[in-house]
Amino acid sequence: MRKKLGWLLSFLKIGAIGFGGGTSLIPVIEHEMVNSKKLVTKEEYDSAVIAASITPGALPVEISSYIGKDIAGIKGMLMAPACMILPGVVLTVVMLTAMDSFNEGAIRQIEILSIGITAFIFSMMTKYISGTFKWAKTKKRTGAAFAVVACVFLLSAGKAFGRILGTMGIEWNPVLSISTVHVLIMSFFVICYAGSIKDRKSCIISVVICIIYILFQSNSQIMHMVIGNSQLELIMFRSLQLIMAGLSVYGVVSVRDKDEPVIINSPRGMIKECIIWLAIFILACIPAYLMVPELLKFAGNGFLSSLISFGGGDAYLTVADGMFVDKGIISEDDFYGRLVILVNVLPGSILCKTLTGVGYYYGYGFGGMPAALATAFSGFVCSIIGSCFTMTIVRYFFDIFEKVRAFGILKMCIKAIISGLLCTVALSLIYQCFAFADGYQARCISILIMLALIYFMNIFLEKKFELGTWINVIISIGAALLMGNLII
């Protein structure tokens, strides 16, 4: 029984310490599932990360669904993502229920302990990034790995760096600040097109297209000033994305290894899994529907919001604003005054916590606490289904083309790409800690020193004692509470 439940407990543990969003959890999940428990191989995990990166929805949910299926089939596919997001969702509902009775001090303690877990996650990020360069060194590609990490970081870090300077009273508007999803789009395009064909012409075309793409996304709005028409600008940008998609497909299908032919698998398994996801979605909505007749308004928007969600938690909050606040499903005061604060403080996927919280408020307005809990549960299930339904479809096609040359290159590059994004995530986490300090009139330098001390303590404990994830997390929380309450 312990052996059967061990992998589920691992997902629960990851969900409980899942501060910082999806990308920051990639090294944490790898450490637990690949290095510590050895439940999946490194190659299988890299495939999960690649497939999740090109799928809309909650990244950690998609990764857990992918590797859960590798571990225990359909049961694992269903149970792994539920365990991954359960701690954060439960905490969200508990906090929303008790928020009126919570004083500012209780919220402050949660924010302080989150700094300790942030320092722990930094140590996991460091291990992941150093592992990337060690692997690159064995392949004699250290220079290439460094170039990819630096390029991804420089393209994506502008916004986070500008926020940090803002907490110090310095106004700085970065020229370049490309979101995670657009960095991944460009990376996949270059690999699928130029990486597959490998000639000078494809490389030049890739560089030119990426430069134009960056100009469309730059904060300086260069393309907007050149074009002068917002509607025409959008049409041209979408056309550019279609060209990139077409060239990517051309690169993948035009250069194939004859010894590794593409095998079209039967779609029966994929269809069966999609039916299972939809059946669970319907069953989960029945209790709430009996108390909230207009549940479909919430559930339909929740499912759709997952399908169109790219770019991480911050991007999803923008989607949720349009889907739920603008349509009157949740008031602006409840959304920004309470829910957004909680989903940024508590562990777990922002998408999943947000859908659960919106469901709680929506149900409460119809039938009090019973309806609130039932609708929150439907939001919890909806957040899983919305992410995993599309992941099931993407995985079917991913398995078909996985042996194509482009995917081999992608597997070699994904660690460097993720490492660059992790550097940006680290800046975002530092900003959150600085914003917390600013809210309590504490000095940012004090928080930075606190982060550094707990970080180096984790590095020391990992190298000298190998105490395990939970022990390190508990020690980090204790150190954060001790130092944080002295500072603030």
Protein backbone atom coordinates (compact mmCIF):
# COMPACT_ATOMS: atom_id res chain seq x y z
CA MET A 1 0.00 0.00 0.00
CA ARG A 2 2.83 2.38 0.83
CA LYS A 3 4.43 1.69 -2.55
CA LYS A 4 1.13 2.28 -4.35
CA LEU A 5 0.40 5.51 -2.52
CA GLY A 6 3.96 6.84 -2.48
CA TRP A 7 3.81 8.52 -5.88
CA LEU A 8 0.48 10.19 -5.03
CA LEU A 9 1.95 11.53 -1.80
CA SER A 10 4.82 12.92 -3.87
CA PHE A 11 2.36 14.91 -5.99
CA LEU A 12 0.62 16.16 -2.84
CA LYS A 13 3.97 17.27 -1.46
CA ILE A 14 4.85 19.16 -4.64
CA GLY A 15 1.44 20.85 -4.58
CA ALA A 16 1.91 21.90 -0.96
CA ILE A 17 5.22 23.67 -1.69
CA GLY A 18 4.22 24.91 -5.13
CA PHE A 19 4.85 28.62 -4.66
CA GLY A 20 5.95 30.67 -7.64
CA GLY A 21 3.82 29.34 -10.49
CA GLY A 22 4.16 26.62 -13.10
CA THR A 23 7.63 27.21 -14.55
CA SER A 24 9.25 27.39 -11.11
CA LEU A 25 7.87 23.92 -10.32
CA ILE A 26 9.60 22.23 -13.26
CA PRO A 27 12.85 21.61 -11.31
CA VAL A 28 10.88 20.69 -8.16
CA ILE A 29 8.83 18.04 -10.00
CA GLU A 30 11.95 16.72 -11.73
CA HIS A 31 13.81 16.44 -8.42
CA GLU A 32 10.95 14.48 -6.85
CA MET A 33 9.85 12.29 -9.76
CA VAL A 34 13.13 11.68 -11.60
CA ASN A 35 16.00 12.08 -9.14
CA SER A 36 14.46 11.14 -5.79
CA LYS A 37 11.66 8.62 -6.45
CA LYS A 38 12.84 7.54 -9.95
CA LEU A 39 9.22 7.13 -11.06
CA VAL A 40 9.94 8.29 -14.62
CA THR A 41 13.11 8.63 -16.66
CA LYS A 42 14.73 11.93 -17.57
CA GLU A 43 13.69 11.43 -21.20
CA GLU A 44 10.06 10.82 -20.22
CA TYR A 45 10.04 13.91 -18.03
CA ASP A 46 11.53 16.10 -20.77
CA SER A 47 8.79 14.88 -23.12
CA ALA A 48 6.18 15.87 -20.52
CA VAL A 49 7.67 19.36 -20.19
CA ILE A 50 7.76 19.88 -23.96
CA ALA A 51 4.17 18.69 -24.46
CA ALA A 52 2.93 20.82 -21.54
CA SER A 53 4.77 23.88 -22.85
CA ILE A 54 2.82 23.83 -26.11
CA THR A 55 -0.54 23.14 -24.44
CA PRO A 56 -2.86 25.84 -23.03
CA GLY A 57 -3.80 25.51 -19.38
CA ALA A 58 -2.00 25.02 -16.08
CA LEU A 59 1.56 23.80 -16.72
CA PRO A 60 2.06 21.76 -13.48
CA VAL A 61 -1.35 20.11 -13.95
CA GLU A 62 -0.46 19.07 -17.49
CA ILE A 63 2.96 17.74 -16.50
CA SER A 64 1.47 15.74 -13.62
CA SER A 65 -1.22 14.30 -15.91
CA TYR A 66 1.41 13.28 -18.48
CA ILE A 67 3.77 11.54 -16.07
CA GLY A 68 0.86 10.20 -14.00
CA LYS A 69 -0.23 8.25 -17.06
CA ASP A 70 3.32 6.95 -17.52
CA ILE A 71 3.35 5.77 -13.89
CA ALA A 72 -0.12 4.24 -13.50
CA GLY A 73 -2.05 4.48 -16.77
CA ILE A 74 -5.44 6.19 -16.88
CA LYS A 75 -5.77 6.06 -13.07
CA GLY A 76 -2.51 7.95 -12.75
CA MET A 77 -3.58 10.41 -15.45
CA LEU A 78 -6.68 11.23 -13.36
CA MET A 79 -5.26 11.13 -9.84
CA ALA A 80 -1.88 12.84 -10.30
CA PRO A 81 -3.17 16.30 -11.33
CA ALA A 82 -5.88 16.16 -8.63
CA CYS A 83 -3.25 15.50 -5.95
CA MET A 84 -0.98 18.18 -7.42
CA ILE A 85 -3.48 21.02 -7.05
CA LEU A 86 -5.48 19.74 -4.05
CA PRO A 87 -3.39 21.47 -1.31
CA GLY A 88 -3.59 24.92 -2.90
CA VAL A 89 -7.29 24.57 -3.71
CA VAL A 90 -8.19 23.41 -0.19
CA LEU A 91 -6.21 26.27 1.33
CA THR A 92 -7.94 28.73 -1.01
CA VAL A 93 -11.42 27.57 0.05
CA VAL A 94 -10.46 27.54 3.75
CA MET A 95 -8.99 31.03 3.53
CA LEU A 96 -12.02 32.39 1.65
CA THR A 97 -14.34 30.84 4.22
CA ALA A 98 -12.44 32.27 7.17
CA MET A 99 -11.16 35.47 5.61
CA ASP A 100 -13.58 37.74 7.45
CA SER A 101 -12.33 36.38 10.77
CA PHE A 102 -8.65 36.47 9.78
CA ASN A 103 -6.67 39.45 10.93
CA GLU A 104 -3.80 41.06 9.09
CA GLY A 105 -1.29 39.19 11.23
CA ALA A 106 -2.42 35.76 9.97
CA ILE A 107 -2.03 36.83 6.33
CA ARG A 108 1.37 38.30 7.17
CA GLN A 109 2.61 35.00 8.61
CA ILE A 110 1.60 33.18 5.42
CA GLU A 111 3.47 35.75 3.35
CA ILE A 112 6.55 35.42 5.57
CA LEU A 113 6.67 31.63 5.35
CA SER A 114 6.24 31.88 1.57
CA ILE A 115 9.60 33.70 1.50
CA GLY A 116 11.24 30.64 3.07
CA ILE A 117 9.68 28.32 0.49
CA THR A 118 10.74 30.74 -2.24
CA ALA A 119 14.35 30.42 -1.07
CA PHE A 120 13.98 26.62 -1.14
CA ILE A 121 12.62 26.77 -4.70
CA PHE A 122 15.60 28.96 -5.64
CA SER A 123 17.88 26.10 -4.53
CA MET A 124 15.93 23.69 -6.78
CA MET A 125 16.22 26.17 -9.67
CA THR A 126 19.97 26.42 -9.13
CA LYS A 127 20.30 22.65 -9.19
CA TYR A 128 18.30 22.46 -12.42
CA ILE A 129 20.29 25.20 -14.16
CA SER A 130 23.66 23.80 -13.05
CA GLY A 131 22.50 20.38 -14.26
CA THR A 132 21.75 21.92 -17.65
CA PHE A 133 25.32 23.20 -17.99
CA LYS A 134 26.82 19.95 -16.70
CA TRP A 135 24.85 18.03 -19.32
CA ALA A 136 25.88 20.53 -22.00
CA LYS A 137 29.52 20.11 -20.98
CA THR A 138 29.35 16.35 -21.51
CA LYS A 139 27.96 17.01 -25.00
CA LYS A 140 30.58 19.73 -25.64
CA ARG A 141 27.83 22.31 -26.09
CA THR A 142 28.45 24.59 -23.14
CA GLY A 143 28.69 27.69 -25.34
CA ALA A 144 25.45 26.89 -27.14
CA ALA A 145 23.64 26.23 -23.84
CA PHE A 146 24.88 29.51 -22.38
CA ALA A 147 23.78 31.39 -25.51
CA VAL A 148 20.26 29.91 -25.34
CA VAL A 149 19.90 30.61 -21.60
CA ALA A 150 21.17 34.19 -21.99
CA CYS A 151 18.98 34.89 -25.03
CA VAL A 152 15.81 33.55 -23.39
CA PHE A 153 16.55 35.46 -20.19
CA LEU A 154 17.24 38.76 -21.95
CA LEU A 155 14.05 38.48 -24.00
CA SER A 156 11.77 37.61 -21.08
CA ALA A 157 13.25 39.36 -18.02
CA GLY A 158 12.50 43.02 -18.86
CA LYS A 159 9.13 43.23 -17.15
CA ALA A 160 10.29 41.49 -13.95
CA PHE A 161 13.43 43.61 -13.77
CA GLY A 162 11.39 46.78 -14.27
CA ARG A 163 9.07 45.77 -11.41
CA ILE A 164 12.02 45.24 -9.06
CA LEU A 165 13.40 48.68 -9.91
CA GLY A 166 9.91 50.11 -9.34
CA THR A 167 9.94 48.90 -5.72
CA MET A 168 13.12 50.94 -5.32
CA GLY A 169 11.50 54.08 -6.73
CA ILE A 170 13.24 53.80 -10.11
CA GLU A 171 11.02 54.11 -13.18
CA TRP A 172 12.24 51.97 -16.05
CA ASN A 173 10.27 50.84 -19.07
CA PRO A 174 12.07 47.92 -20.76
CA VAL A 175 12.35 47.99 -24.54
CA LEU A 176 12.04 44.20 -24.66
CA SER A 177 9.75 42.19 -22.43
CA ILE A 178 8.51 39.07 -24.19
CA SER A 179 6.11 36.80 -22.32
CA THR A 180 6.97 33.16 -21.64
CA VAL A 181 4.54 31.85 -24.23
CA HIS A 182 5.99 34.05 -27.01
CA VAL A 183 9.55 33.02 -26.10
CA LEU A 184 8.47 29.38 -26.37
CA ILE A 185 6.71 30.04 -29.69
CA MET A 186 9.87 31.53 -31.18
CA SER A 187 12.04 28.75 -29.73
CA PHE A 188 9.83 26.00 -31.13
CA PHE A 189 9.67 27.75 -34.51
CA VAL A 190 13.44 28.04 -34.84
CA ILE A 191 13.97 24.42 -33.79
CA CYS A 192 11.21 22.97 -35.98
CA TYR A 193 12.13 24.98 -39.08
CA ALA A 194 15.82 25.93 -39.06
CA GLY A 195 16.80 23.09 -36.72
CA SER A 196 15.23 20.51 -39.00
CA ILE A 197 16.41 21.82 -42.39
CA LYS A 198 19.83 23.05 -41.23
CA ASP A 199 20.84 25.27 -44.14
CA ARG A 200 21.83 28.93 -44.41
CA LYS A 201 18.57 30.00 -46.04
CA SER A 202 16.37 28.59 -43.27
CA CYS A 203 18.61 30.15 -40.61
CA ILE A 204 18.42 33.61 -42.21
CA ILE A 205 14.64 33.36 -42.62
CA SER A 206 14.28 32.27 -38.98
CA VAL A 207 16.37 35.18 -37.71
CA VAL A 208 14.44 37.74 -39.78
CA ILE A 209 11.05 36.37 -38.72
CA CYS A 210 12.07 36.29 -35.03
CA ILE A 211 13.28 39.89 -35.19
CA ILE A 212 9.95 40.98 -36.70
CA TYR A 213 8.10 38.93 -34.06
CA ILE A 214 10.09 40.61 -31.29
CA LEU A 215 9.33 44.06 -32.75
CA PHE A 216 5.61 43.23 -32.61
CA GLN A 217 5.95 42.28 -28.94
CA SER A 218 8.34 45.03 -27.79
CA ASN A 219 7.18 47.58 -25.24
CA SER A 220 8.44 50.39 -27.45
CA GLN A 221 5.59 49.59 -29.88
CA ILE A 222 7.83 49.97 -32.90
CA MET A 223 5.48 48.07 -35.22
CA HIS A 224 2.49 50.05 -33.97
CA MET A 225 4.23 53.31 -34.85
CA VAL A 226 5.23 51.96 -38.26
CA ILE A 227 1.82 50.49 -39.16
CA GLY A 228 -0.32 53.12 -37.44
CA ASN A 229 -3.47 50.99 -37.36
CA SER A 230 -4.23 48.63 -34.47
CA GLN A 231 -6.54 46.36 -36.45
CA LEU A 232 -4.08 46.04 -39.34
CA GLU A 233 -1.28 45.44 -36.83
CA LEU A 234 -3.21 42.54 -35.28
CA ILE A 235 -3.95 41.04 -38.71
CA MET A 236 -0.27 41.24 -39.67
CA PHE A 237 0.83 39.69 -36.36
CA ARG A 238 -1.61 36.78 -36.72
CA SER A 239 -0.45 36.32 -40.30
CA LEU A 240 3.14 36.17 -39.07
CA GLN A 241 2.16 33.50 -36.54
CA LEU A 242 0.48 31.49 -39.30
CA ILE A 243 3.62 31.75 -41.44
CA MET A 244 5.70 30.52 -38.49
CA ALA A 245 3.31 27.62 -37.92
CA GLY A 246 3.40 26.71 -41.61
CA LEU A 247 7.19 26.81 -41.81
CA SER A 248 7.44 24.76 -38.61
CA VAL A 249 5.19 22.05 -40.03
CA TYR A 250 7.15 22.16 -43.29
CA GLY A 251 10.44 21.72 -41.43
CA VAL A 252 9.10 18.80 -39.39
CA VAL A 253 7.54 16.83 -42.26
CA SER A 254 10.06 17.62 -45.01
CA VAL A 255 13.09 16.23 -43.18
CA ARG A 256 12.41 12.78 -41.79
CA ASP A 257 14.68 9.93 -40.85
CA LYS A 258 13.80 7.03 -43.14
CA ASP A 259 14.86 4.61 -40.43
CA GLU A 260 12.32 6.18 -38.05
CA PRO A 261 9.07 6.41 -40.07
CA VAL A 262 6.12 8.28 -38.63
CA ILE A 263 3.58 5.76 -37.33
CA ILE A 264 -0.01 6.93 -37.02
CA ASN A 265 -1.38 5.40 -33.83
CA SER A 266 -5.06 4.58 -33.41
CA PRO A 267 -6.92 7.53 -31.88
CA ARG A 268 -9.17 5.24 -29.82
CA GLY A 269 -7.15 5.67 -26.64
CA MET A 270 -7.14 9.45 -27.02
CA ILE A 271 -10.89 9.54 -27.69
CA LYS A 272 -11.54 7.29 -24.68
CA GLU A 273 -9.52 9.58 -22.43
CA CYS A 274 -11.31 12.69 -23.73
CA ILE A 275 -14.68 11.04 -23.04
CA ILE A 276 -13.53 10.19 -19.50
CA TRP A 277 -12.50 13.81 -18.90
CA LEU A 278 -15.84 15.15 -20.16
CA ALA A 279 -17.79 12.58 -18.11
CA ILE A 280 -15.94 13.60 -14.94
CA PHE A 281 -16.64 17.25 -15.75
CA ILE A 282 -20.39 16.59 -16.10
CA LEU A 283 -20.58 14.47 -12.93
CA ALA A 284 -18.69 17.10 -10.92
CA CYS A 285 -21.13 19.80 -12.01
CA ILE A 286 -24.32 17.90 -11.06
CA PRO A 287 -24.28 18.65 -7.28
CA ALA A 288 -23.64 22.34 -7.90
CA TYR A 289 -26.23 22.49 -10.68
CA LEU A 290 -28.93 21.29 -8.28
CA MET A 291 -28.25 24.34 -6.09
CA VAL A 292 -27.08 26.84 -8.72
CA PRO A 293 -29.36 26.71 -11.78
CA GLU A 294 -27.09 29.08 -13.73
CA LEU A 295 -23.99 26.94 -13.12
CA LEU A 296 -23.36 26.47 -16.83
CA LYS A 297 -22.58 30.17 -17.13
CA PHE A 298 -19.66 29.69 -14.73
CA ALA A 299 -18.58 26.19 -15.83
CA GLY A 300 -18.65 27.02 -19.54
CA ASN A 301 -16.58 30.17 -19.07
CA GLY A 302 -14.20 28.30 -16.75
CA PHE A 303 -13.59 25.54 -19.27
CA LEU A 304 -13.13 28.04 -22.10
CA SER A 305 -10.75 30.17 -20.01
CA SER A 306 -8.48 27.13 -19.54
CA LEU A 307 -8.48 26.37 -23.26
CA ILE A 308 -7.30 29.88 -24.17
CA SER A 309 -4.87 30.33 -21.28
CA PHE A 310 -1.24 30.61 -22.36
CA GLY A 311 1.61 32.33 -20.56
CA GLY A 312 1.28 31.43 -16.88
CA GLY A 313 -0.68 32.64 -13.87
CA ASP A 314 -0.42 36.40 -14.43
CA ALA A 315 -1.74 35.96 -17.96
CA TYR A 316 -4.62 33.83 -16.68
CA LEU A 317 -5.73 36.54 -14.25
CA THR A 318 -6.19 38.81 -17.27
CA VAL A 319 -8.28 36.11 -18.98
CA ALA A 320 -10.30 35.56 -15.79
CA ASP A 321 -11.02 39.28 -15.53
CA GLY A 322 -12.67 39.21 -18.94
CA MET A 323 -14.43 35.90 -18.40
CA PHE A 324 -15.75 36.39 -14.86
CA VAL A 325 -15.52 40.03 -13.70
CA ASP A 326 -16.77 41.64 -16.92
CA LYS A 327 -19.64 39.14 -17.14
CA GLY A 328 -20.74 39.68 -13.53
CA ILE A 329 -19.90 36.18 -12.29
CA ILE A 330 -17.77 37.69 -9.53
CA SER A 331 -17.58 41.29 -8.35
CA GLU A 332 -14.45 43.32 -8.97
CA ASP A 333 -14.03 43.90 -5.22
CA ASP A 334 -14.13 40.17 -4.43
CA PHE A 335 -11.86 39.30 -7.36
CA TYR A 336 -9.11 41.87 -6.82
CA GLY A 337 -9.67 42.69 -3.16
CA ARG A 338 -9.62 39.09 -1.92
CA LEU A 339 -9.18 36.30 -4.46
CA VAL A 340 -6.19 37.69 -6.38
CA ILE A 341 -4.35 38.32 -3.11
CA LEU A 342 -4.90 34.74 -1.96
CA VAL A 343 -3.98 33.01 -5.23
CA ASN A 344 -0.68 34.90 -5.28
CA VAL A 345 0.13 34.05 -1.66
CA LEU A 346 -0.91 30.38 -1.52
CA PRO A 347 0.85 27.44 -3.22
CA GLY A 348 -0.43 25.76 -6.36
CA SER A 349 -1.58 26.71 -9.84
CA ILE A 350 -3.03 30.23 -10.10
CA LEU A 351 -5.48 29.01 -12.76
CA CYS A 352 -6.83 26.23 -10.52
CA LYS A 353 -7.05 28.39 -7.39
CA THR A 354 -8.75 31.19 -9.33
CA LEU A 355 -11.41 28.93 -10.87
CA THR A 356 -12.09 27.37 -7.47
CA GLY A 357 -12.34 30.77 -5.79
CA VAL A 358 -14.61 32.25 -8.46
CA GLY A 359 -16.84 29.17 -8.11
CA TYR A 360 -16.97 29.71 -4.35
CA TYR A 361 -18.16 33.31 -4.66
CA TYR A 362 -20.58 32.50 -7.51
CA GLY A 363 -22.20 29.63 -5.59
CA TYR A 364 -22.38 31.60 -2.34
CA GLY A 365 -24.52 34.22 -4.01
CA PHE A 366 -27.12 31.59 -4.94
CA GLY A 367 -27.32 29.28 -1.93
CA GLY A 368 -24.94 30.18 0.85
CA MET A 369 -22.14 27.92 2.05
CA PRO A 370 -23.41 24.54 0.67
CA ALA A 371 -23.76 25.99 -2.83
CA ALA A 372 -20.42 27.80 -2.48
CA LEU A 373 -18.58 24.57 -1.65
CA ALA A 374 -20.33 22.60 -4.40
CA THR A 375 -19.56 25.25 -7.03
CA ALA A 376 -15.98 25.59 -5.78
CA PHE A 377 -15.61 21.83 -6.27
CA SER A 378 -16.93 22.12 -9.82
CA GLY A 379 -14.36 24.89 -10.43
CA PHE A 380 -11.63 22.65 -9.01
CA VAL A 381 -12.58 19.83 -11.40
CA CYS A 382 -13.07 22.27 -14.28
CA SER A 383 -9.52 23.58 -13.84
CA ILE A 384 -8.17 20.02 -14.15
CA ILE A 385 -10.37 19.06 -17.11
CA GLY A 386 -9.68 22.25 -19.06
CA SER A 387 -5.92 21.67 -18.87
CA CYS A 388 -5.84 17.87 -19.18
CA PHE A 389 -8.43 17.56 -21.95
CA THR A 390 -6.23 19.54 -24.34
CA MET A 391 -3.12 17.79 -23.00
CA THR A 392 -4.62 14.43 -23.97
CA ILE A 393 -5.10 15.60 -27.56
CA VAL A 394 -1.65 17.23 -27.77
CA ARG A 395 0.01 14.09 -26.37
CA TYR A 396 -1.59 11.91 -29.06
CA PHE A 397 0.03 13.95 -31.83
CA PHE A 398 3.22 14.44 -29.80
CA ASP A 399 3.68 10.65 -29.51
CA ILE A 400 3.26 10.31 -33.28
CA PHE A 401 5.93 12.88 -34.17
CA GLU A 402 8.21 12.44 -31.14
CA LYS A 403 10.89 10.60 -33.16
CA VAL A 404 11.04 13.29 -35.85
CA ARG A 405 14.37 15.15 -35.91
CA ALA A 406 12.88 18.43 -34.68
CA PHE A 407 11.67 16.84 -31.46
CA GLY A 408 15.08 15.32 -30.86
CA ILE A 409 16.59 18.81 -31.12
CA LEU A 410 13.81 20.18 -28.93
CA LYS A 411 14.60 17.64 -26.22
CA MET A 412 18.23 18.72 -26.29
CA CYS A 413 17.31 22.41 -26.09
CA ILE A 414 14.39 22.34 -23.67
CA LYS A 415 16.55 22.34 -20.51
CA ALA A 416 18.43 25.43 -21.70
CA ILE A 417 15.17 27.18 -22.67
CA ILE A 418 13.58 26.35 -19.32
CA SER A 419 16.75 27.44 -17.50
CA GLY A 420 16.54 30.86 -19.13
CA LEU A 421 12.88 31.16 -18.16
CA LEU A 422 13.71 30.09 -14.60
CA CYS A 423 16.12 33.01 -14.31
CA THR A 424 13.21 35.29 -15.20
CA VAL A 425 10.91 33.50 -12.74
CA ALA A 426 13.55 34.06 -10.05
CA LEU A 427 13.34 37.82 -10.68
CA SER A 428 9.53 37.66 -10.48
CA LEU A 429 9.72 35.83 -7.15
CA ILE A 430 12.17 38.41 -5.83
CA TYR A 431 9.75 41.15 -6.91
CA GLN A 432 6.91 39.47 -5.00
CA CYS A 433 9.07 39.37 -1.88
CA PHE A 434 10.02 43.05 -2.35
CA ALA A 435 6.35 43.99 -2.87
CA PHE A 436 5.50 42.19 0.37
CA ALA A 437 8.27 44.09 2.17
CA ASP A 438 7.05 47.38 0.74
CA GLY A 439 3.53 46.64 1.98
CA TYR A 440 4.81 46.40 5.56
CA GLN A 441 7.31 49.27 5.27
CA ALA A 442 10.25 46.87 5.54
CA ARG A 443 13.53 47.42 3.71
CA CYS A 444 13.98 45.40 0.52
CA ILE A 445 17.63 44.77 1.34
CA SER A 446 16.56 43.02 4.57
CA ILE A 447 14.28 40.67 2.63
CA LEU A 448 17.03 40.04 0.07
CA ILE A 449 19.50 39.12 2.84
CA MET A 450 16.87 36.86 4.39
CA LEU A 451 16.32 35.13 1.04
CA ALA A 452 20.06 34.70 0.52
CA LEU A 453 20.65 33.24 3.99
CA ILE A 454 17.87 30.65 3.65
CA TYR A 455 18.96 29.87 0.08
CA PHE A 456 22.57 29.15 1.05
CA MET A 457 21.34 27.17 4.05
CA ASN A 458 19.38 24.94 1.64
CA ILE A 459 22.41 24.51 -0.62
CA PHE A 460 24.50 23.51 2.42
CA LEU A 461 21.88 21.06 3.74
CA GLU A 462 21.48 19.47 0.31
CA LYS A 463 25.20 18.90 -0.14
CA LYS A 464 26.13 17.84 3.40
CA PHE A 465 23.16 15.96 4.81
CA GLU A 466 20.65 15.17 2.03
CA LEU A 467 17.77 15.46 4.51
CA GLY A 468 15.05 15.26 1.91
CA THR A 469 12.60 17.76 0.47
CA TRP A 470 10.14 17.93 3.36
CA ILE A 471 12.82 18.46 6.02
CA ASN A 472 14.45 21.21 3.99
CA VAL A 473 11.08 22.90 3.44
CA ILE A 474 10.20 22.76 7.16
CA ILE A 475 13.61 24.18 8.11
CA SER A 476 13.19 26.93 5.50
CA ILE A 477 9.75 27.84 6.84
CA GLY A 478 11.05 27.93 10.42
CA ALA A 479 13.99 30.13 9.47
CA ALA A 480 11.71 32.47 7.50
CA LEU A 481 9.23 32.85 10.37
CA LEU A 482 12.07 33.55 12.82
CA MET A 483 13.89 36.09 10.66
CA GLY A 484 10.76 37.59 9.09
CA ASN A 485 9.11 38.42 12.39
CA LEU A 486 12.33 40.06 13.57
CA ILE A 487 12.60 42.16 10.42
CA ILE A 488 8.95 43.18 10.08
